[in-house]
Amino acid sequence: MSSDSDAKRIASGPLPSQLVRAHGTRHGAHGVQQDAGPDPQSGAPFDPLRLCIFATIALLGWLAGPVALAVFAAIGFVGYWKARRKGLTKSNCYLRDTRLVLAYLGLLLGAGLWGMYDLLARLAGF
C-alpha cells in the first residue's frame, strides 16, 4: 500500500477518541492503561476539550499578536496549497471549498503582515 492509500484509509475510519471509547481503556501519561471513564452514550457530561484548545490558541494569538496570526495563517496556507495540488477540492473546514480556505488564509496572512508592519512603524515612530 502507498502512503496516500494508507492516509485515505485512516482518514475514512473512526476518530482516535472513538477507538479509545470502543476499547474501554486508554493510556495515561506513563503508558499505563486507565479506565476510560463513563460511556458518553450513558448521559455522561460532554468534555469540551476543543474549547480549551481554542482558548489556548487565542491566548497565544493575544500574546504574540500579528506575528502569531501570520505564522499560523502561513502554515495553514502552505498545508492547503500542497493538499490542493495533490487533488483535495473539498475540506472539512467550514468553508468547504479549498479555494475559499486558501483565500481566507491568504487574507489572514495579509492581515498579520500588515499588523506586524503597523506595529514596527509605531515602535520606530513613523
Protein backbone atom coordinates (compact mmCIF):
# COMPACT_ATOMS: atom_id res chain seq x y z
CA MET A 1 0.00 0.00 0.00
CA SER A 2 1.15 3.52 -0.68
CA SER A 3 1.23 6.26 1.91
CA ASP A 4 -1.64 8.03 0.10
CA SER A 5 -3.89 4.98 0.30
CA ASP A 6 -2.93 4.47 3.96
CA ALA A 7 -3.81 8.09 4.73
CA LYS A 8 -7.18 7.78 2.95
CA ARG A 9 -7.94 4.53 4.79
CA ILE A 10 -7.10 6.05 8.16
CA ALA A 11 -8.96 9.29 7.42
CA SER A 12 -12.13 7.41 6.48
CA GLY A 13 -12.08 5.37 9.69
CA PRO A 14 -13.24 6.29 13.18
CA LEU A 15 -11.66 9.07 15.19
CA PRO A 16 -8.99 8.01 17.72
CA SER A 17 -11.30 9.06 20.57
CA GLN A 18 -13.95 6.70 19.23
CA LEU A 19 -11.43 3.85 19.18
CA VAL A 20 -10.47 4.57 22.78
CA ARG A 21 -14.12 4.52 23.84
CA ALA A 22 -14.72 1.31 21.92
CA HIS A 23 -11.88 -0.47 23.73
CA GLY A 24 -12.86 0.92 27.14
CA THR A 25 -9.30 1.80 28.12
CA ARG A 26 -6.80 4.50 27.43
CA HIS A 27 -3.13 5.04 28.13
CA GLY A 28 -2.10 7.61 30.70
CA ALA A 29 0.96 9.83 30.65
CA HIS A 30 3.23 6.91 31.54
CA GLY A 31 1.70 4.36 29.17
CA VAL A 32 -0.33 2.66 31.93
CA GLN A 33 -3.83 1.66 30.97
CA GLN A 34 -6.55 3.55 32.79
CA ASP A 35 -10.29 3.14 32.84
CA ALA A 36 -11.80 5.24 30.04
CA GLY A 37 -14.48 6.57 32.36
CA PRO A 38 -18.18 6.74 31.76
CA ASP A 39 -19.63 5.88 28.39
CA PRO A 40 -20.68 9.05 26.51
CA GLN A 41 -23.86 7.23 25.44
CA SER A 42 -24.95 6.87 29.08
CA GLY A 43 -25.58 10.58 29.61
CA ALA A 44 -22.13 11.46 30.95
CA PRO A 45 -21.25 15.17 30.65
CA PHE A 46 -19.57 16.33 27.45
CA ASP A 47 -15.86 17.17 27.78
CA PRO A 48 -15.36 20.47 25.90
CA LEU A 49 -11.66 19.83 25.18
CA ARG A 50 -11.82 21.73 21.89
CA LEU A 51 -12.94 24.86 23.74
CA CYS A 52 -9.84 24.63 25.93
CA ILE A 53 -7.70 24.26 22.80
CA PHE A 54 -9.40 27.27 21.20
CA ALA A 55 -8.78 29.32 24.34
CA THR A 56 -5.10 28.34 24.34
CA ILE A 57 -4.75 29.34 20.69
CA ALA A 58 -6.48 32.65 21.45
CA LEU A 59 -4.03 33.23 24.33
CA LEU A 60 -1.08 32.57 22.04
CA GLY A 61 -2.58 34.94 19.49
CA TRP A 62 -3.10 37.62 22.11
CA LEU A 63 0.44 37.26 23.45
CA ALA A 64 2.19 37.08 20.08
CA GLY A 65 -0.24 39.35 18.20
CA PRO A 66 0.13 39.72 14.46
CA VAL A 67 3.22 37.50 14.39
CA ALA A 68 1.16 34.52 15.59
CA LEU A 69 -1.57 35.29 13.08
CA ALA A 70 0.92 35.48 10.21
CA VAL A 71 2.73 32.28 11.27
CA PHE A 72 -0.41 30.16 11.74
CA ALA A 73 -2.00 31.52 8.55
CA ALA A 74 1.17 30.81 6.56
CA ILE A 75 1.38 27.25 7.91
CA GLY A 76 -2.28 26.66 7.07
CA PHE A 77 -1.93 28.24 3.63
CA VAL A 78 1.07 26.08 2.74
CA GLY A 79 -0.71 22.96 4.01
CA TYR A 80 -3.86 23.63 1.99
CA TRP A 81 -1.82 24.65 -1.06
CA LYS A 82 0.02 21.31 -1.03
CA ALA A 83 -3.19 19.38 -0.43
CA ARG A 84 -4.95 21.20 -3.29
CA ARG A 85 -2.05 20.45 -5.65
CA LYS A 86 -2.45 16.76 -4.73
CA GLY A 87 -6.16 16.87 -5.61
CA LEU A 88 -8.04 17.95 -2.48
CA THR A 89 -11.01 20.07 -3.57
CA LYS A 90 -13.32 19.75 -0.54
CA SER A 91 -12.23 20.30 3.03
CA ASN A 92 -13.77 19.58 6.41
CA CYS A 93 -13.24 23.27 7.13
CA TYR A 94 -16.45 25.32 7.48
CA LEU A 95 -15.75 26.97 4.10
CA ARG A 96 -15.60 23.52 2.39
CA ASP A 97 -14.05 24.57 -0.95
CA THR A 98 -10.26 24.65 -0.69
CA ARG A 99 -10.13 27.77 -2.89
CA LEU A 100 -12.20 29.62 -0.29
CA VAL A 101 -10.00 28.27 2.50
CA LEU A 102 -6.88 29.45 0.64
CA ALA A 103 -8.43 32.89 0.10
CA TYR A 104 -9.37 33.11 3.78
CA LEU A 105 -5.91 32.07 4.95
CA GLY A 106 -4.33 34.47 2.44
CA LEU A 107 -6.40 37.33 3.89
CA LEU A 108 -5.37 36.34 7.41
CA LEU A 109 -1.73 36.20 6.34
CA GLY A 110 -2.04 39.65 4.79
CA ALA A 111 -3.68 40.98 7.96
CA GLY A 112 -0.89 39.51 10.08
CA LEU A 113 1.81 41.02 7.87
CA TRP A 114 0.06 44.40 7.89
CA GLY A 115 -0.23 44.17 11.69
CA MET A 116 3.49 43.46 12.02
CA TYR A 117 4.31 46.38 9.71
CA ASP A 118 1.99 48.70 11.66
CA LEU A 119 3.46 47.59 14.97
CA LEU A 120 7.03 48.13 13.77
CA ALA A 121 6.10 51.51 12.29
CA ARG A 122 4.61 52.63 15.61
CA LEU A 123 7.63 51.38 17.56
CA ALA A 124 10.01 53.15 15.18
CA GLY A 125 7.96 56.35 15.40
CA PHE A 126 6.93 56.64 11.73
